[in-house]
Amino acid sequence: MTPESSSPADYLLQVLGGKCCAQAVSTAAALGLAERLESGPRTLEALAAETGCDAVVLAPVLRLCAGLGFFDSPTPDTYVLTERGRALKRDALGPLAEFVGAQEQWDAWSRLRDVKRTGGTAFQGAHGVGLYDYLARTPEAAARYDAAIDSFTRHEALALCNACDFGTARVVVDVGGGRGTLLAEVLHRWPHLRGVLLDLPHVVERARPQLVARFGARVEAHGSDFFESMTKGGDVYLVKHVLHNWGDERALSLLRCCVDAMAPGGRVLVIETVLSPDNRADLAAIMDLEMQVLLGGRVRRKPELRRLLQSAGLRVEQMVRLVAGSWLLVGERA
């Protein structure tokens, strides 16, 4: 149903039903339904038994997910996995889907309308602290968040390695790189590189063992506030979906920290969501609102990102679309 083919009331009801669609898909991911259906058809009763769910509650989840194309139902109350449904697997975007429907996320979104009166972010309104402080003290939520970010990062990392040549670099610094998923893909693709993961101490402590086990002395993990202590001497600084966490002043400060720290001839690779010139309801517009809810940051348009890099002393040498919702900007010292 499109706006042109429905009445205004019908269209509004369909949009409001997006809440149900998102939660059904998130629940399917959390229950691992894609993995359970990958081996073959399952009945409603079998899936309910395997997941420990009440069949009466699980049935509408399965029906809605089937209607959205993630599952198929060749006979009543029997379900199979579709090609679209494979995106819900844990080795694809399933962790992101699970995160979107988690309680800490939905509680924050319910406070969006209060932000204009109370200030701060909707997440702070719901939980009393900012997102990163909340994750530092809530391991279960931090694990969901990390898995969600990793699932989308793997998708972006493959596109980055195809779009950018690291052949002449020696040291790559992943700024705010979380668990190092992007850095790991780059190090795997270019065995001559050394890598540094830079993020908050509690973040890198979770990441270090796995990275060192895989890459040994080729990788280091530095735990610090990158506004106060930027790793020096890198040939490439990866800044993936970090600028949108901040307003212009802080984003510019971060880029300047990278420029001041990088080796001669170095580059800053910025990966960001980019707003369209018009007001289309695309992934960028959704991410823009997500940043307001979670962090108080914002998604920018191309001219705004170019100005930020130029103000930091960088010349934008390349700007290309990586995947849906992500662009790469390559900046060299002006």
Protein backbone atom coordinates (compact mmCIF):
# COMPACT_ATOMS: atom_id res chain seq x y z
CA MET A 1 0.00 0.00 0.00
CA THR A 2 1.42 3.39 -1.02
CA PRO A 3 0.27 6.93 -0.11
CA GLU A 4 -1.19 7.26 -3.63
CA SER A 5 -3.24 4.06 -3.38
CA SER A 6 -4.72 4.52 0.08
CA SER A 7 -6.75 7.02 2.00
CA PRO A 8 -4.88 9.24 4.47
CA ALA A 9 -6.36 7.27 7.36
CA ASP A 10 -5.38 3.91 5.85
CA TYR A 11 -1.86 5.14 5.21
CA LEU A 12 -1.51 6.46 8.76
CA LEU A 13 -2.66 3.14 10.18
CA GLN A 14 -0.12 1.31 8.05
CA VAL A 15 2.70 3.58 9.23
CA LEU A 16 1.70 3.17 12.87
CA GLY A 17 1.71 -0.59 12.33
CA GLY A 18 5.45 -0.33 11.75
CA LYS A 19 5.81 -0.69 15.51
CA CYS A 20 4.31 -4.18 15.30
CA CYS A 21 6.42 -5.13 12.28
CA ALA A 22 9.67 -4.04 13.91
CA GLN A 23 8.95 -5.86 17.16
CA ALA A 24 7.84 -9.05 15.39
CA VAL A 25 11.03 -9.15 13.32
CA SER A 26 13.16 -8.32 16.36
CA THR A 27 11.49 -11.10 18.34
CA ALA A 28 12.07 -13.57 15.50
CA ALA A 29 15.76 -12.68 15.54
CA ALA A 30 16.02 -12.94 19.32
CA LEU A 31 14.40 -16.41 19.23
CA GLY A 32 16.73 -17.59 16.47
CA LEU A 33 13.85 -18.54 14.20
CA ALA A 34 15.92 -18.13 11.02
CA GLU A 35 18.50 -20.64 12.27
CA ARG A 36 15.77 -23.07 13.32
CA LEU A 37 14.09 -22.90 9.91
CA GLU A 38 17.31 -23.13 7.93
CA SER A 39 17.38 -26.92 8.24
CA GLY A 40 13.86 -27.31 6.88
CA PRO A 41 10.16 -26.65 7.52
CA ARG A 42 8.89 -26.43 11.10
CA THR A 43 5.37 -26.39 12.42
CA LEU A 44 4.13 -23.72 14.79
CA GLU A 45 3.96 -26.30 17.57
CA ALA A 46 7.54 -27.44 16.97
CA LEU A 47 8.88 -23.87 16.96
CA ALA A 48 6.97 -23.04 20.11
CA ALA A 49 8.42 -26.10 21.86
CA GLU A 50 11.96 -25.36 20.67
CA THR A 51 11.85 -21.73 21.78
CA GLY A 52 9.88 -22.22 24.98
CA CYS A 53 7.12 -19.90 23.74
CA ASP A 54 3.37 -20.13 24.00
CA ALA A 55 2.13 -21.13 20.54
CA VAL A 56 -0.76 -18.65 20.81
CA VAL A 57 1.74 -15.80 21.28
CA LEU A 58 4.24 -17.07 18.70
CA ALA A 59 1.65 -17.55 15.94
CA PRO A 60 1.06 -13.86 15.12
CA VAL A 61 4.82 -13.23 15.16
CA LEU A 62 5.31 -15.93 12.53
CA ARG A 63 2.34 -14.79 10.46
CA LEU A 64 3.50 -11.18 10.36
CA CYS A 65 7.10 -12.14 9.56
CA ALA A 66 5.79 -14.37 6.77
CA GLY A 67 3.69 -11.51 5.45
CA LEU A 68 6.82 -9.35 5.39
CA GLY A 69 8.61 -12.01 3.32
CA PHE A 70 11.07 -13.33 5.91
CA PHE A 71 9.33 -16.72 6.13
CA ASP A 72 6.95 -18.62 3.88
CA SER A 73 4.04 -20.83 4.88
CA PRO A 74 3.42 -23.61 2.32
CA THR A 75 0.69 -25.10 4.51
CA PRO A 76 -1.23 -23.62 7.45
CA ASP A 77 0.95 -23.36 10.58
CA THR A 78 4.05 -24.64 8.77
CA TYR A 79 6.93 -22.25 8.05
CA VAL A 80 10.10 -22.23 5.93
CA LEU A 81 12.94 -19.74 5.64
CA THR A 82 13.08 -17.44 2.61
CA GLU A 83 16.13 -15.80 1.07
CA ARG A 84 15.08 -12.53 2.69
CA GLY A 85 14.81 -14.31 6.02
CA ARG A 86 18.49 -15.24 5.92
CA ALA A 87 19.23 -11.63 6.83
CA LEU A 88 17.80 -12.46 10.29
CA LYS A 89 20.52 -15.02 11.04
CA ARG A 90 23.06 -14.24 13.75
CA ASP A 91 25.90 -14.22 11.21
CA ALA A 92 24.01 -11.60 9.18
CA LEU A 93 21.88 -8.73 10.59
CA GLY A 94 19.99 -10.73 13.20
CA PRO A 95 21.82 -9.11 16.16
CA LEU A 96 20.88 -5.66 14.84
CA ALA A 97 17.24 -6.72 14.56
CA GLU A 98 17.31 -8.10 18.10
CA PHE A 99 18.85 -4.88 19.46
CA VAL A 100 16.22 -2.66 17.83
CA GLY A 101 13.44 -4.37 19.79
CA ALA A 102 15.28 -4.64 23.12
CA GLN A 103 13.71 -3.01 26.16
CA GLU A 104 16.46 -0.42 26.66
CA GLN A 105 15.86 0.79 23.12
CA TRP A 106 12.06 0.91 23.25
CA ASP A 107 12.02 2.61 26.64
CA ALA A 108 14.16 5.37 25.17
CA TRP A 109 11.96 5.85 22.10
CA SER A 110 8.90 6.23 24.32
CA ARG A 111 10.54 9.37 25.77
CA LEU A 112 11.16 11.12 22.45
CA ARG A 113 8.23 13.49 22.91
CA ASP A 114 9.54 14.60 26.32
CA VAL A 115 12.98 15.75 25.14
CA LYS A 116 11.80 19.18 24.02
CA ARG A 117 10.64 19.87 27.60
CA THR A 118 13.36 18.17 29.63
CA GLY A 119 16.48 18.59 27.49
CA GLY A 120 19.14 15.91 27.15
CA THR A 121 18.36 12.79 25.14
CA ALA A 122 15.43 10.41 25.19
CA PHE A 123 17.81 7.68 26.35
CA GLN A 124 18.82 9.75 29.37
CA GLY A 125 15.17 10.41 30.10
CA ALA A 126 14.44 6.69 30.14
CA HIS A 127 17.52 5.44 31.99
CA GLY A 128 18.91 8.39 33.94
CA VAL A 129 22.33 8.21 32.26
CA GLY A 130 23.73 8.50 28.75
CA LEU A 131 24.00 5.53 26.41
CA TYR A 132 27.70 4.79 26.92
CA ASP A 133 27.51 5.08 30.72
CA TYR A 134 24.51 2.76 30.66
CA LEU A 135 26.38 0.19 28.56
CA ALA A 136 29.42 0.37 30.84
CA ARG A 137 27.29 -0.67 33.82
CA THR A 138 24.86 -3.07 32.06
CA PRO A 139 26.77 -6.01 30.55
CA GLU A 140 23.72 -7.70 29.01
CA ALA A 141 22.73 -4.53 27.14
CA ALA A 142 26.36 -3.91 26.16
CA ALA A 143 26.54 -7.40 24.63
CA ARG A 144 23.40 -6.71 22.57
CA TYR A 145 24.74 -3.34 21.46
CA ASP A 146 28.15 -4.77 20.49
CA ALA A 147 26.59 -7.62 18.53
CA ALA A 148 24.25 -5.22 16.71
CA ILE A 149 27.06 -2.86 15.72
CA ASP A 150 29.28 -5.77 14.68
CA SER A 151 26.62 -7.27 12.43
CA PHE A 152 26.28 -4.10 10.37
CA THR A 153 30.01 -3.36 10.52
CA ARG A 154 30.85 -6.70 8.88
CA HIS A 155 28.54 -5.69 6.04
CA GLU A 156 30.33 -2.33 5.68
CA ALA A 157 33.83 -3.73 6.12
CA LEU A 158 33.63 -5.89 3.01
CA ALA A 159 32.49 -2.88 0.98
CA LEU A 160 35.29 -0.70 2.41
CA CYS A 161 37.98 -3.22 1.52
CA ASN A 162 36.68 -3.34 -2.04
CA ALA A 163 36.51 0.45 -2.33
CA CYS A 164 39.79 1.49 -0.71
CA ASP A 165 43.40 0.38 -1.21
CA PHE A 166 45.51 0.05 1.95
CA GLY A 167 48.54 -1.23 0.06
CA THR A 168 50.83 1.73 0.83
CA ALA A 169 49.80 2.14 4.48
CA ARG A 170 51.68 0.66 7.42
CA VAL A 171 49.58 1.50 10.49
CA VAL A 172 45.79 1.79 10.63
CA VAL A 173 44.05 3.32 13.67
CA ASP A 174 40.38 2.48 14.20
CA VAL A 175 39.02 5.46 16.17
CA GLY A 176 36.03 4.54 18.32
CA GLY A 177 36.17 1.12 16.71
CA GLY A 178 34.23 -0.83 19.34
CA ARG A 179 35.25 -4.47 19.23
CA GLY A 180 37.49 -3.95 16.20
CA THR A 181 35.30 -5.68 13.63
CA LEU A 182 36.18 -3.19 10.88
CA LEU A 183 39.87 -3.19 11.80
CA ALA A 184 39.98 -7.00 11.79
CA GLU A 185 38.64 -7.19 8.24
CA VAL A 186 41.21 -4.66 7.03
CA LEU A 187 44.07 -6.50 8.77
CA HIS A 188 42.86 -9.80 7.34
CA ARG A 189 42.75 -8.39 3.80
CA TRP A 190 46.19 -6.70 4.00
CA PRO A 191 48.60 -8.92 5.98
CA HIS A 192 51.39 -6.32 5.97
CA LEU A 193 49.39 -3.84 8.08
CA ARG A 194 49.60 -3.18 11.79
CA GLY A 195 46.44 -1.98 13.52
CA VAL A 196 45.47 0.00 16.60
CA LEU A 197 41.99 -0.15 18.13
CA LEU A 198 41.21 3.05 20.05
CA ASP A 199 38.13 3.25 22.25
CA LEU A 200 37.10 3.63 25.88
CA PRO A 201 38.92 1.33 28.34
CA HIS A 202 35.95 -0.91 29.15
CA VAL A 203 35.30 -1.35 25.41
CA VAL A 204 38.82 -2.34 24.38
CA GLU A 205 39.14 -4.71 27.34
CA ARG A 206 36.34 -6.77 25.83
CA ALA A 207 37.92 -6.60 22.38
CA ARG A 208 41.61 -7.13 23.09
CA PRO A 209 41.73 -10.91 23.76
CA GLN A 210 40.04 -11.88 20.51
CA LEU A 211 42.06 -9.43 18.40
CA VAL A 212 45.40 -10.47 19.90
CA ALA A 213 44.52 -14.16 19.54
CA ARG A 214 43.86 -13.61 15.86
CA PHE A 215 46.56 -11.10 14.87
CA GLY A 216 49.19 -11.30 17.62
CA ALA A 217 51.75 -8.50 17.61
CA ARG A 218 50.14 -6.92 14.52
CA VAL A 219 47.42 -5.34 16.67
CA GLU A 220 47.25 -3.13 19.76
CA ALA A 221 44.22 -1.97 21.74
CA HIS A 222 44.45 1.45 23.40
CA GLY A 223 41.85 2.34 26.01
CA SER A 224 41.37 6.10 26.31
CA ASP A 225 39.15 9.07 25.48
CA PHE A 226 40.17 9.87 21.90
CA PHE A 227 39.48 13.57 22.46
CA GLU A 228 42.23 13.57 25.09
CA SER A 229 44.68 10.96 23.82
CA MET A 230 44.75 10.17 20.09
CA THR A 231 47.14 7.43 18.95
CA LYS A 232 49.95 9.05 16.98
CA GLY A 233 51.77 7.98 13.82
CA GLY A 234 48.97 6.22 11.94
CA ASP A 235 48.90 6.27 8.16
CA VAL A 236 45.12 5.74 8.06
CA TYR A 237 42.55 6.79 10.67
CA LEU A 238 39.21 5.01 10.37
CA VAL A 239 36.32 7.05 11.76
CA LYS A 240 33.23 4.91 11.24
CA HIS A 241 29.83 6.23 12.35
CA VAL A 242 31.45 8.33 15.05
CA LEU A 243 30.93 11.88 13.80
CA HIS A 244 27.15 11.52 13.94
CA ASN A 245 27.41 11.01 17.70
CA TRP A 246 28.39 14.65 18.14
CA GLY A 247 27.46 18.20 17.24
CA ASP A 248 29.71 20.13 14.85
CA GLU A 249 32.11 21.45 17.50
CA ARG A 250 32.98 18.03 18.93
CA ALA A 251 33.01 16.35 15.52
CA LEU A 252 35.46 18.96 14.24
CA SER A 253 37.62 18.52 17.33
CA LEU A 254 37.81 14.77 16.70
CA LEU A 255 38.87 15.24 13.08
CA ARG A 256 41.54 17.73 14.11
CA CYS A 257 42.87 15.24 16.64
CA CYS A 258 43.26 12.72 13.82
CA VAL A 259 44.97 15.25 11.54
CA ASP A 260 47.40 16.33 14.25
CA ALA A 261 48.28 12.72 15.08
CA MET A 262 48.63 11.15 11.63
CA ALA A 263 51.93 10.46 9.88
CA PRO A 264 53.01 12.57 6.88
CA GLY A 265 50.91 11.62 3.88
CA GLY A 266 48.27 10.09 6.11
CA ARG A 267 44.56 9.83 5.40
CA VAL A 268 41.35 9.99 7.41
CA LEU A 269 38.62 7.62 6.20
CA VAL A 270 35.23 8.76 7.40
CA ILE A 271 32.25 6.40 7.07
CA GLU A 272 28.92 8.10 7.72
CA THR A 273 25.26 8.00 6.90
CA VAL A 274 24.36 10.92 4.61
CA LEU A 275 21.04 12.75 4.57
CA SER A 276 19.33 13.20 1.21
CA PRO A 277 18.73 16.76 -0.04
CA ASP A 278 14.97 16.21 0.18
CA ASN A 279 12.87 14.85 3.04
CA ARG A 280 12.51 11.24 1.95
CA ALA A 281 11.88 8.69 4.70
CA ASP A 282 15.01 6.63 3.99
CA LEU A 283 17.61 4.96 6.21
CA ALA A 284 19.46 8.25 6.67
CA ALA A 285 16.36 10.00 8.00
CA ILE A 286 15.74 7.08 10.35
CA MET A 287 19.34 7.18 11.58
CA ASP A 288 19.11 10.93 12.12
CA LEU A 289 16.22 10.44 14.52
CA GLU A 290 17.98 7.47 16.14
CA MET A 291 20.96 9.69 16.94
CA GLN A 292 18.67 12.24 18.59
CA VAL A 293 17.09 9.53 20.73
CA LEU A 294 20.31 7.82 21.78
CA LEU A 295 23.08 10.41 21.81
CA GLY A 296 21.88 13.85 20.82
CA GLY A 297 24.01 13.73 17.66
CA ARG A 298 22.84 14.09 14.10
CA VAL A 299 23.26 12.81 10.56
CA ARG A 300 24.61 15.36 8.07
CA ARG A 301 24.28 16.15 4.38
CA LYS A 302 27.20 15.90 1.94
CA PRO A 303 28.07 19.63 1.99
CA GLU A 304 28.11 19.61 5.81
CA LEU A 305 30.49 16.65 5.95
CA ARG A 306 32.76 18.22 3.34
CA ARG A 307 32.89 21.45 5.34
CA LEU A 308 33.76 19.57 8.52
CA LEU A 309 36.67 17.80 6.86
CA GLN A 310 37.88 20.99 5.19
CA SER A 311 37.69 22.91 8.48
CA ALA A 312 39.85 20.19 10.05
CA GLY A 313 42.53 20.74 7.39
CA LEU A 314 41.56 17.86 5.11
CA ARG A 315 40.99 17.81 1.36
CA VAL A 316 38.21 15.43 0.34
CA GLU A 317 39.79 13.19 -2.29
CA GLN A 318 36.97 10.67 -2.66
CA MET A 319 33.33 10.26 -1.68
CA VAL A 320 31.57 7.03 -2.60
CA ARG A 321 28.55 5.06 -1.45
CA LEU A 322 29.53 1.86 0.35
CA VAL A 323 26.24 0.17 1.25
CA ALA A 324 22.68 1.30 1.93
CA GLY A 325 22.98 3.94 4.62
CA SER A 326 26.78 4.39 4.44
CA TRP A 327 29.17 6.62 2.50
CA LEU A 328 32.97 6.77 2.51
CA LEU A 329 34.81 10.10 2.52
CA VAL A 330 38.58 9.97 2.09
CA GLY A 331 40.39 13.03 3.45
CA GLU A 332 44.05 13.92 2.93
CA ARG A 333 45.95 16.75 4.55
CA ALA A 334 45.24 19.94 2.63
